[in-house]
Amino acid sequence: MRPSKFPSANPYFIFFDHFRINLQKRDICHLKPISLAKIAGRKWREMTTAQKSVFVQIAEINRARLRARGRPSVPVGRVRRCHIKRVYKDSSF
């Protein structure tokens, strides 16, 4: 299996990515995203735990990589958000 572009910590999402790529290799590109998700969900539920274990191991590796990377100290876009309390106007006038 090739490493995914988007490292997910969820085994089903890793399976779904590989399932979609395998369909594209077979030139099955006419499916709508909803029908593709339904087919992949049925296939995932039919799989045994031994078959799912490959995707679970990849998810654990991705989870460890995401934990090691840590969270950025500054949010994306380098904008710090401040929380301002909303002051409501008094309606007793």
PDB file of N, CA and C in Angstrom:
ATOM      1  N   MET A   1       0.831  -1.184   0.000  1.00  0.00           N
ATOM      2  CA  MET A   1       0.000   0.000   0.000  1.00  0.00           C
ATOM      3  C   MET A   1       0.872   1.243   0.000  1.00  0.00           C
ATOM      4  N   ARG A   2       0.420   2.215  -0.708  1.00  0.00           N
ATOM      5  CA  ARG A   2       1.167   3.457  -0.754  1.00  0.00           C
ATOM      6  C   ARG A   2       0.750   4.353   0.414  1.00  0.00           C
ATOM      7  N   PRO A   3       1.634   5.208   0.887  1.00  0.00           N
ATOM      8  CA  PRO A   3       1.229   6.133   1.947  1.00  0.00           C
ATOM      9  C   PRO A   3       0.214   7.146   1.412  1.00  0.00           C
ATOM     10  N   SER A   4      -0.732   7.482   2.243  1.00  0.00           N
ATOM     11  CA  SER A   4      -1.805   8.380   1.838  1.00  0.00           C
ATOM     12  C   SER A   4      -1.331   9.829   1.849  1.00  0.00           C
ATOM     13  N   LYS A   5      -1.962  10.662   1.026  1.00  0.00           N
ATOM     14  CA  LYS A   5      -1.625  12.084   1.021  1.00  0.00           C
ATOM     15  C   LYS A   5      -2.064  12.742   2.314  1.00  0.00           C
ATOM     16  N   PHE A   6      -3.205  12.290   2.838  1.00  0.00           N
ATOM     17  CA  PHE A   6      -3.758  12.870   4.050  1.00  0.00           C
ATOM     18  C   PHE A   6      -3.676  11.823   5.155  1.00  0.00           C
ATOM     19  N   PRO A   7      -2.725  11.963   6.071  1.00  0.00           N
ATOM     20  CA  PRO A   7      -2.571  10.935   7.104  1.00  0.00           C
ATOM     21  C   PRO A   7      -3.734  10.982   8.095  1.00  0.00           C
ATOM     22  N   SER A   8      -4.617  10.014   7.986  1.00  0.00           N
ATOM     23  CA  SER A   8      -5.768   9.947   8.867  1.00  0.00           C
ATOM     24  C   SER A   8      -5.486   8.991  10.008  1.00  0.00           C
ATOM     25  N   ALA A   9      -6.101   9.254  11.147  1.00  0.00           N
ATOM     26  CA  ALA A   9      -5.974   8.362  12.296  1.00  0.00           C
ATOM     27  C   ALA A   9      -7.172   7.428  12.379  1.00  0.00           C
ATOM     28  N   ASN A  10      -8.034   7.443  11.376  1.00  0.00           N
ATOM     29  CA  ASN A  10      -9.219   6.606  11.343  1.00  0.00           C
ATOM     30  C   ASN A  10      -9.015   5.503  10.299  1.00  0.00           C
ATOM     31  N   PRO A  11      -9.104   4.230  10.688  1.00  0.00           N
ATOM     32  CA  PRO A  11      -8.850   3.147   9.735  1.00  0.00           C
ATOM     33  C   PRO A  11      -9.829   3.129   8.562  1.00  0.00           C
ATOM     34  N   TYR A  12     -11.088   3.512   8.797  1.00  0.00           N
ATOM     35  CA  TYR A  12     -12.065   3.492   7.706  1.00  0.00           C
ATOM     36  C   TYR A  12     -11.699   4.501   6.631  1.00  0.00           C
ATOM     37  N   PHE A  13     -11.235   5.691   7.018  1.00  0.00           N
ATOM     38  CA  PHE A  13     -10.870   6.699   6.024  1.00  0.00           C
ATOM     39  C   PHE A  13      -9.671   6.256   5.195  1.00  0.00           C
ATOM     40  N   ILE A  14      -8.753   5.528   5.807  1.00  0.00           N
ATOM     41  CA  ILE A  14      -7.612   4.994   5.063  1.00  0.00           C
ATOM     42  C   ILE A  14      -8.096   3.946   4.063  1.00  0.00           C
ATOM     43  N   PHE A  15      -9.003   3.064   4.513  1.00  0.00           N
ATOM     44  CA  PHE A  15      -9.594   2.067   3.615  1.00  0.00           C
ATOM     45  C   PHE A  15     -10.331   2.757   2.471  1.00  0.00           C
ATOM     46  N   PHE A  16     -11.105   3.790   2.782  1.00  0.00           N
ATOM     47  CA  PHE A  16     -11.891   4.482   1.766  1.00  0.00           C
ATOM     48  C   PHE A  16     -10.986   5.106   0.707  1.00  0.00           C
ATOM     49  N   ASP A  17      -9.869   5.685   1.131  1.00  0.00           N
ATOM     50  CA  ASP A  17      -8.917   6.277   0.186  1.00  0.00           C
ATOM     51  C   ASP A  17      -8.356   5.206  -0.755  1.00  0.00           C
ATOM     52  N   HIS A  18      -7.952   4.063  -0.216  1.00  0.00           N
ATOM     53  CA  HIS A  18      -7.418   2.984  -1.050  1.00  0.00           C
ATOM     54  C   HIS A  18      -8.505   2.376  -1.935  1.00  0.00           C
ATOM     55  N   PHE A  19      -9.717   2.281  -1.419  1.00  0.00           N
ATOM     56  CA  PHE A  19     -10.837   1.750  -2.200  1.00  0.00           C
ATOM     57  C   PHE A  19     -11.109   2.634  -3.411  1.00  0.00           C
ATOM     58  N   ARG A  20     -11.110   3.945  -3.191  1.00  0.00           N
ATOM     59  CA  ARG A  20     -11.364   4.899  -4.279  1.00  0.00           C
ATOM     60  C   ARG A  20     -10.254   4.848  -5.324  1.00  0.00           C
ATOM     61  N   ILE A  21      -9.017   4.753  -4.885  1.00  0.00           N
ATOM     62  CA  ILE A  21      -7.885   4.694  -5.816  1.00  0.00           C
ATOM     63  C   ILE A  21      -7.927   3.409  -6.645  1.00  0.00           C
ATOM     64  N   ASN A  22      -8.305   2.285  -6.008  1.00  0.00           N
ATOM     65  CA  ASN A  22      -8.415   1.018  -6.755  1.00  0.00           C
ATOM     66  C   ASN A  22      -9.508   1.091  -7.807  1.00  0.00           C
ATOM     67  N   LEU A  23     -10.614   1.759  -7.506  1.00  0.00           N
ATOM     68  CA  LEU A  23     -11.666   1.923  -8.506  1.00  0.00           C
ATOM     69  C   LEU A  23     -11.188   2.799  -9.667  1.00  0.00           C
ATOM     70  N   GLN A  24     -10.419   3.833  -9.365  1.00  0.00           N
ATOM     71  CA  GLN A  24      -9.895   4.699 -10.417  1.00  0.00           C
ATOM     72  C   GLN A  24      -8.919   3.951 -11.314  1.00  0.00           C
ATOM     73  N   LYS A  25      -8.159   3.047 -10.746  1.00  0.00           N
ATOM     74  CA  LYS A  25      -7.227   2.247 -11.556  1.00  0.00           C
ATOM     75  C   LYS A  25      -7.978   1.332 -12.524  1.00  0.00           C
ATOM     76  N   ARG A  26      -9.184   0.917 -12.128  1.00  0.00           N
ATOM     77  CA  ARG A  26     -10.005   0.059 -12.995  1.00  0.00           C
ATOM     78  C   ARG A  26     -10.904   0.871 -13.922  1.00  0.00           C
ATOM     79  N   ASP A  27     -10.705   2.182 -13.976  1.00  0.00           N
ATOM     80  CA  ASP A  27     -11.485   3.101 -14.814  1.00  0.00           C
ATOM     81  C   ASP A  27     -12.965   3.124 -14.441  1.00  0.00           C
ATOM     82  N   ILE A  28     -13.236   3.038 -13.156  1.00  0.00           N
ATOM     83  CA  ILE A  28     -14.609   3.187 -12.667  1.00  0.00           C
ATOM     84  C   ILE A  28     -14.683   4.556 -12.007  1.00  0.00           C
ATOM     85  N   CYS A  29     -14.942   5.571 -12.813  1.00  0.00           N
ATOM     86  CA  CYS A  29     -14.927   6.949 -12.324  1.00  0.00           C
ATOM     87  C   CYS A  29     -16.294   7.611 -12.415  1.00  0.00           C
ATOM     88  N   HIS A  30     -17.311   6.881 -12.853  1.00  0.00           N
ATOM     89  CA  HIS A  30     -18.610   7.493 -13.075  1.00  0.00           C
ATOM     90  C   HIS A  30     -19.494   7.505 -11.831  1.00  0.00           C
ATOM     91  N   LEU A  31     -19.019   6.989 -10.701  1.00  0.00           N
ATOM     92  CA  LEU A  31     -19.836   6.923  -9.489  1.00  0.00           C
ATOM     93  C   LEU A  31     -19.910   8.271  -8.781  1.00  0.00           C
ATOM     94  N   LYS A  32     -21.064   8.577  -8.245  1.00  0.00           N
ATOM     95  CA  LYS A  32     -21.226   9.779  -7.435  1.00  0.00           C
ATOM     96  C   LYS A  32     -20.602   9.521  -6.061  1.00  0.00           C
ATOM     97  N   PRO A  33     -20.171  10.579  -5.372  1.00  0.00           N
ATOM     98  CA  PRO A  33     -19.532  10.381  -4.068  1.00  0.00           C
ATOM     99  C   PRO A  33     -20.418   9.662  -3.048  1.00  0.00           C
ATOM    100  N   ILE A  34     -21.715   9.921  -3.069  1.00  0.00           N
ATOM    101  CA  ILE A  34     -22.607   9.278  -2.098  1.00  0.00           C
ATOM    102  C   ILE A  34     -22.704   7.782  -2.371  1.00  0.00           C
ATOM    103  N   SER A  35     -22.860   7.411  -3.630  1.00  0.00           N
ATOM    104  CA  SER A  35     -22.938   5.983  -3.942  1.00  0.00           C
ATOM    105  C   SER A  35     -21.598   5.288  -3.693  1.00  0.00           C
ATOM    106  N   LEU A  36     -20.510   5.988  -3.929  1.00  0.00           N
ATOM    107  CA  LEU A  36     -19.188   5.434  -3.643  1.00  0.00           C
ATOM    108  C   LEU A  36     -19.024   5.174  -2.152  1.00  0.00           C
ATOM    109  N   ALA A  37     -19.484   6.099  -1.319  1.00  0.00           N
ATOM    110  CA  ALA A  37     -19.389   5.932   0.128  1.00  0.00           C
ATOM    111  C   ALA A  37     -20.268   4.778   0.609  1.00  0.00           C
ATOM    112  N   LYS A  38     -21.452   4.618   0.002  1.00  0.00           N
ATOM    113  CA  LYS A  38     -22.329   3.510   0.389  1.00  0.00           C
ATOM    114  C   LYS A  38     -21.699   2.162   0.061  1.00  0.00           C
ATOM    115  N   ILE A  39     -21.102   2.062  -1.116  1.00  0.00           N
ATOM    116  CA  ILE A  39     -20.459   0.813  -1.521  1.00  0.00           C
ATOM    117  C   ILE A  39     -19.268   0.501  -0.625  1.00  0.00           C
ATOM    118  N   ALA A  40     -18.468   1.524  -0.339  1.00  0.00           N
ATOM    119  CA  ALA A  40     -17.295   1.328   0.516  1.00  0.00           C
ATOM    120  C   ALA A  40     -17.720   0.952   1.933  1.00  0.00           C
ATOM    121  N   GLY A  41     -18.800   1.539   2.425  1.00  0.00           N
ATOM    122  CA  GLY A  41     -19.289   1.205   3.765  1.00  0.00           C
ATOM    123  C   GLY A  41     -19.754  -0.237   3.854  1.00  0.00           C
ATOM    124  N   ARG A  42     -20.472  -0.700   2.823  1.00  0.00           N
ATOM    125  CA  ARG A  42     -20.901  -2.099   2.801  1.00  0.00           C
ATOM    126  C   ARG A  42     -19.700  -3.041   2.776  1.00  0.00           C
ATOM    127  N   LYS A  43     -18.714  -2.686   1.946  1.00  0.00           N
ATOM    128  CA  LYS A  43     -17.500  -3.515   1.838  1.00  0.00           C
ATOM    129  C   LYS A  43     -16.756  -3.547   3.174  1.00  0.00           C
ATOM    130  N   TRP A  44     -16.665  -2.395   3.864  1.00  0.00           N
ATOM    131  CA  TRP A  44     -15.971  -2.309   5.154  1.00  0.00           C
ATOM    132  C   TRP A  44     -16.665  -3.189   6.193  1.00  0.00           C
ATOM    133  N   ARG A  45     -17.987  -3.186   6.205  1.00  0.00           N
ATOM    134  CA  ARG A  45     -18.723  -3.995   7.174  1.00  0.00           C
ATOM    135  C   ARG A  45     -18.611  -5.490   6.876  1.00  0.00           C
ATOM    136  N   GLU A  46     -18.408  -5.861   5.621  1.00  0.00           N
ATOM    137  CA  GLU A  46     -18.258  -7.260   5.250  1.00  0.00           C
ATOM    138  C   GLU A  46     -16.865  -7.804   5.554  1.00  0.00           C
ATOM    139  N   MET A  47     -15.898  -6.918   5.715  1.00  0.00           N
ATOM    140  CA  MET A  47     -14.521  -7.355   5.948  1.00  0.00           C
ATOM    141  C   MET A  47     -14.380  -7.965   7.339  1.00  0.00           C
ATOM    142  N   THR A  48     -13.465  -8.928   7.450  1.00  0.00           N
ATOM    143  CA  THR A  48     -13.171  -9.527   8.750  1.00  0.00           C
ATOM    144  C   THR A  48     -12.185  -8.644   9.503  1.00  0.00           C
ATOM    145  N   THR A  49     -11.997  -8.919  10.783  1.00  0.00           N
ATOM    146  CA  THR A  49     -11.049  -8.129  11.574  1.00  0.00           C
ATOM    147  C   THR A  49      -9.624  -8.328  11.082  1.00  0.00           C
ATOM    148  N   ALA A  50      -9.324  -9.515  10.544  1.00  0.00           N
ATOM    149  CA  ALA A  50      -7.983  -9.752   9.992  1.00  0.00           C
ATOM    150  C   ALA A  50      -7.737  -8.879   8.765  1.00  0.00           C
ATOM    151  N   GLN A  51      -8.757  -8.704   7.945  1.00  0.00           N
ATOM    152  CA  GLN A  51      -8.607  -7.844   6.775  1.00  0.00           C
ATOM    153  C   GLN A  51      -8.509  -6.381   7.175  1.00  0.00           C
ATOM    154  N   LYS A  52      -9.236  -5.999   8.221  1.00  0.00           N
ATOM    155  CA  LYS A  52      -9.208  -4.610   8.681  1.00  0.00           C
ATOM    156  C   LYS A  52      -7.922  -4.275   9.428  1.00  0.00           C
ATOM    157  N   SER A  53      -7.212  -5.288   9.921  1.00  0.00           N
ATOM    158  CA  SER A  53      -6.031  -5.042  10.759  1.00  0.00           C
ATOM    159  C   SER A  53      -4.950  -4.263  10.014  1.00  0.00           C
ATOM    160  N   VAL A  54      -4.854  -4.420   8.708  1.00  0.00           N
ATOM    161  CA  VAL A  54      -3.863  -3.679   7.922  1.00  0.00           C
ATOM    162  C   VAL A  54      -4.138  -2.176   8.038  1.00  0.00           C
ATOM    163  N   PHE A  55      -5.401  -1.793   7.898  1.00  0.00           N
ATOM    164  CA  PHE A  55      -5.771  -0.384   7.955  1.00  0.00           C
ATOM    165  C   PHE A  55      -5.673   0.151   9.380  1.00  0.00           C
ATOM    166  N   VAL A  56      -5.914  -0.705  10.370  1.00  0.00           N
ATOM    167  CA  VAL A  56      -5.778  -0.294  11.772  1.00  0.00           C
ATOM    168  C   VAL A  56      -4.314  -0.007  12.093  1.00  0.00           C
ATOM    169  N   GLN A  57      -3.404  -0.823  11.582  1.00  0.00           N
ATOM    170  CA  GLN A  57      -1.972  -0.599  11.810  1.00  0.00           C
ATOM    171  C   GLN A  57      -1.504   0.701  11.167  1.00  0.00           C
ATOM    172  N   ILE A  58      -1.970   0.975   9.955  1.00  0.00           N
ATOM    173  CA  ILE A  58      -1.601   2.224   9.289  1.00  0.00           C
ATOM    174  C   ILE A  58      -2.143   3.415  10.075  1.00  0.00           C
ATOM    175  N   ALA A  59      -3.365   3.289  10.600  1.00  0.00           N
ATOM    176  CA  ALA A  59      -3.957   4.375  11.391  1.00  0.00           C
ATOM    177  C   ALA A  59      -3.164   4.618  12.668  1.00  0.00           C
ATOM    178  N   GLU A  60      -2.677   3.554  13.300  1.00  0.00           N
ATOM    179  CA  GLU A  60      -1.872   3.720  14.513  1.00  0.00           C
ATOM    180  C   GLU A  60      -0.550   4.419  14.198  1.00  0.00           C
ATOM    181  N   ILE A  61       0.053   4.091  13.075  1.00  0.00           N
ATOM    182  CA  ILE A  61       1.295   4.766  12.663  1.00  0.00           C
ATOM    183  C   ILE A  61       1.026   6.243  12.414  1.00  0.00           C
ATOM    184  N   ASN A  62      -0.065   6.543  11.706  1.00  0.00           N
ATOM    185  CA  ASN A  62      -0.418   7.940  11.441  1.00  0.00           C
ATOM    186  C   ASN A  62      -0.721   8.692  12.729  1.00  0.00           C
ATOM    187  N   ARG A  63      -1.396   8.036  13.666  1.00  0.00           N
ATOM    188  CA  ARG A  63      -1.726   8.662  14.943  1.00  0.00           C
ATOM    189  C   ARG A  63      -0.456   9.013  15.715  1.00  0.00           C
ATOM    190  N   ALA A  64       0.530   8.107  15.692  1.00  0.00           N
ATOM    191  CA  ALA A  64       1.803   8.366  16.375  1.00  0.00           C
ATOM    192  C   ALA A  64       2.543   9.530  15.714  1.00  0.00           C
ATOM    193  N   ARG A  65       2.504   9.604  14.385  1.00  0.00           N
ATOM    194  CA  ARG A  65       3.159  10.711  13.685  1.00  0.00           C
ATOM    195  C   ARG A  65       2.497  12.044  14.007  1.00  0.00           C
ATOM    196  N   LEU A  66       1.166  12.040  14.072  1.00  0.00           N
ATOM    197  CA  LEU A  66       0.450  13.280  14.377  1.00  0.00           C
ATOM    198  C   LEU A  66       0.732  13.743  15.804  1.00  0.00           C
ATOM    199  N   ARG A  67       0.846  12.800  16.749  1.00  0.00           N
ATOM    200  CA  ARG A  67       1.169  13.174  18.136  1.00  0.00           C
ATOM    201  C   ARG A  67       2.590  13.708  18.239  1.00  0.00           C
ATOM    202  N   ALA A  68       3.522  13.106  17.510  1.00  0.00           N
ATOM    203  CA  ALA A  68       4.920  13.533  17.575  1.00  0.00           C
ATOM    204  C   ALA A  68       5.105  14.920  16.973  1.00  0.00           C
ATOM    205  N   ARG A  69       4.281  15.221  15.975  1.00  0.00           N
ATOM    206  CA  ARG A  69       4.413  16.517  15.316  1.00  0.00           C
ATOM    207  C   ARG A  69       3.948  17.648  16.226  1.00  0.00           C
ATOM    208  N   GLY A  70       2.954  17.401  17.042  1.00  0.00           N
ATOM    209  CA  GLY A  70       2.467  18.412  17.977  1.00  0.00           C
ATOM    210  C   GLY A  70       1.595  19.447  17.294  1.00  0.00           C
ATOM    211  N   ARG A  71       1.048  20.328  18.091  1.00  0.00           N
ATOM    212  CA  ARG A  71       0.181  21.387  17.585  1.00  0.00           C
ATOM    213  C   ARG A  71       1.002  22.644  17.326  1.00  0.00           C
ATOM    214  N   PRO A  72       0.670  23.398  16.311  1.00  0.00           N
ATOM    215  CA  PRO A  72       1.397  24.654  16.079  1.00  0.00           C
ATOM    216  C   PRO A  72       1.044  25.675  17.160  1.00  0.00           C
ATOM    217  N   SER A  73       2.027  26.497  17.520  1.00  0.00           N
ATOM    218  CA  SER A  73       1.788  27.488  18.570  1.00  0.00           C
ATOM    219  C   SER A  73       0.987  28.672  18.048  1.00  0.00           C
ATOM    220  N   VAL A  74       1.122  28.973  16.773  1.00  0.00           N
ATOM    221  CA  VAL A  74       0.377  30.065  16.167  1.00  0.00           C
ATOM    222  C   VAL A  74      -0.604  29.469  15.170  1.00  0.00           C
ATOM    223  N   PRO A  75      -1.848  29.897  15.193  1.00  0.00           N
ATOM    224  CA  PRO A  75      -2.813  29.343  14.249  1.00  0.00           C
ATOM    225  C   PRO A  75      -2.431  29.616  12.802  1.00  0.00           C
ATOM    226  N   VAL A  76      -3.038  28.873  11.904  1.00  0.00           N
ATOM    227  CA  VAL A  76      -2.774  29.031  10.481  1.00  0.00           C
ATOM    228  C   VAL A  76      -3.184  30.433  10.066  1.00  0.00           C
ATOM    229  N   GLY A  77      -2.362  31.103   9.286  1.00  0.00           N
ATOM    230  CA  GLY A  77      -2.638  32.468   8.866  1.00  0.00           C
ATOM    231  C   GLY A  77      -2.011  33.488   9.801  1.00  0.00           C
ATOM    232  N   ARG A  78      -1.361  33.013  10.833  1.00  0.00           N
ATOM    233  CA  ARG A  78      -0.664  33.849  11.815  1.00  0.00           C
ATOM    234  C   ARG A  78      -1.563  34.922  12.415  1.00  0.00           C
ATOM    235  N   VAL A  79      -2.811  34.576  12.652  1.00  0.00           N
ATOM    236  CA  VAL A  79      -3.750  35.507  13.265  1.00  0.00           C
ATOM    237  C   VAL A  79      -4.149  34.933  14.612  1.00  0.00           C
ATOM    238  N   ARG A  80      -3.931  35.696  15.646  1.00  0.00           N
ATOM    239  CA  ARG A  80      -4.356  35.266  16.968  1.00  0.00           C
ATOM    240  C   ARG A  80      -5.779  35.757  17.188  1.00  0.00           C
ATOM    241  N   ARG A  81      -6.597  34.848  17.630  1.00  0.00           N
ATOM    242  CA  ARG A  81      -7.990  35.205  17.866  1.00  0.00           C
ATOM    243  C   ARG A  81      -8.173  35.571  19.334  1.00  0.00           C
ATOM    244  N   CYS A  82      -8.886  36.639  19.555  1.00  0.00           N
ATOM    245  CA  CYS A  82      -9.160  37.025  20.931  1.00  0.00           C
ATOM    246  C   CYS A  82     -10.660  36.895  21.173  1.00  0.00           C
ATOM    247  N   HIS A  83     -10.988  36.529  22.367  1.00  0.00           N
ATOM    248  CA  HIS A  83     -12.381  36.349  22.715  1.00  0.00           C
ATOM    249  C   HIS A  83     -12.875  37.611  23.424  1.00  0.00           C
ATOM    250  N   ILE A  84     -13.856  38.246  22.847  1.00  0.00           N
ATOM    251  CA  ILE A  84     -14.415  39.466  23.414  1.00  0.00           C
ATOM    252  C   ILE A  84     -15.812  39.144  23.914  1.00  0.00           C
ATOM    253  N   LYS A  85     -16.071  39.543  25.135  1.00  0.00           N
ATOM    254  CA  LYS A  85     -17.403  39.307  25.669  1.00  0.00           C
ATOM    255  C   LYS A  85     -18.378  40.234  24.974  1.00  0.00           C
ATOM    256  N   ARG A  86     -19.488  39.700  24.592  1.00  0.00           N
ATOM    257  CA  ARG A  86     -20.515  40.482  23.912  1.00  0.00           C
ATOM    258  C   ARG A  86     -21.302  41.276  24.959  1.00  0.00           C
ATOM    259  N   VAL A  87     -21.433  42.554  24.710  1.00  0.00           N
ATOM    260  CA  VAL A  87     -22.181  43.421  25.598  1.00  0.00           C
ATOM    261  C   VAL A  87     -23.535  43.662  24.960  1.00  0.00           C
ATOM    262  N   TYR A  88     -24.572  43.261  25.674  1.00  0.00           N
ATOM    263  CA  TYR A  88     -25.921  43.428  25.158  1.00  0.00           C
ATOM    264  C   TYR A  88     -26.477  44.774  25.619  1.00  0.00           C
ATOM    265  N   LYS A  89     -27.182  45.403  24.712  1.00  0.00           N
ATOM    266  CA  LYS A  89     -27.806  46.682  25.052  1.00  0.00           C
ATOM    267  C   LYS A  89     -28.990  46.434  25.983  1.00  0.00           C
ATOM    268  N   ASP A  90     -29.140  47.308  26.914  1.00  0.00           N
ATOM    269  CA  ASP A  90     -30.247  47.181  27.849  1.00  0.00           C
ATOM    270  C   ASP A  90     -31.527  47.617  27.155  1.00  0.00           C
ATOM    271  N   SER A  91     -32.540  46.783  27.161  1.00  0.00           N
ATOM    272  CA  SER A  91     -33.762  47.083  26.434  1.00  0.00           C
ATOM    273  C   SER A  91     -34.840  47.700  27.337  1.00  0.00           C
ATOM    274  N   SER A  92     -34.423  48.285  28.453  1.00  0.00           N
ATOM    275  CA  SER A  92     -35.401  48.856  29.384  1.00  0.00           C
ATOM    276  C   SER A  92     -35.658  50.340  29.117  1.00  0.00           C
ATOM    277  N   PHE A  93     -35.247  50.887  28.004  1.00  0.00           N
ATOM    278  CA  PHE A  93     -35.454  52.303  27.729  1.00  0.00           C
ATOM    279  C   PHE A  93     -36.877  52.616  27.509  1.00  0.00           C
TER     280      PHE A  93
END
